[in-house]
Amino acid sequence: MWESIVHILSSTMERILKEGELEQRVKTRTMELEETLEALKRSQQADSAIIKRIAHGLRAPLNSIMGLSQLIAEGGQELPIEIQGAHKKLDQAYLVKRC
């Protein structure tokens, strides 16, 4: 009889220890995942900042090209075929961007 009680107590203690280990592993993994999530958020913010800088850096030259292209087109001069095609592409891109 004592042997069965000791066995029950032993298996109960073993189960409690395993549950404690499992809880600790879950807590540790949760902390690791939270740290990873924060690192990903910081990375995404850095990527967004880089993209904004690139877009800003390209905006002025592209607007200048668009303006010059429009002035040439409005000037009534006959443009070479290559420039006419480029102007149409720029004009279409500008219209798509504005929509």
Foldseek 3Di string as FASTA:
>chain_A
DVVVVVVVVVVVVVVVVVVVVVVVVVVVVVVVVVVVVVVVVVVVVVVVVVVVVVCVVVVVVLVVVLVVLVCVVVVPDDDPPVSVVVNVVSVVVVVVVVD
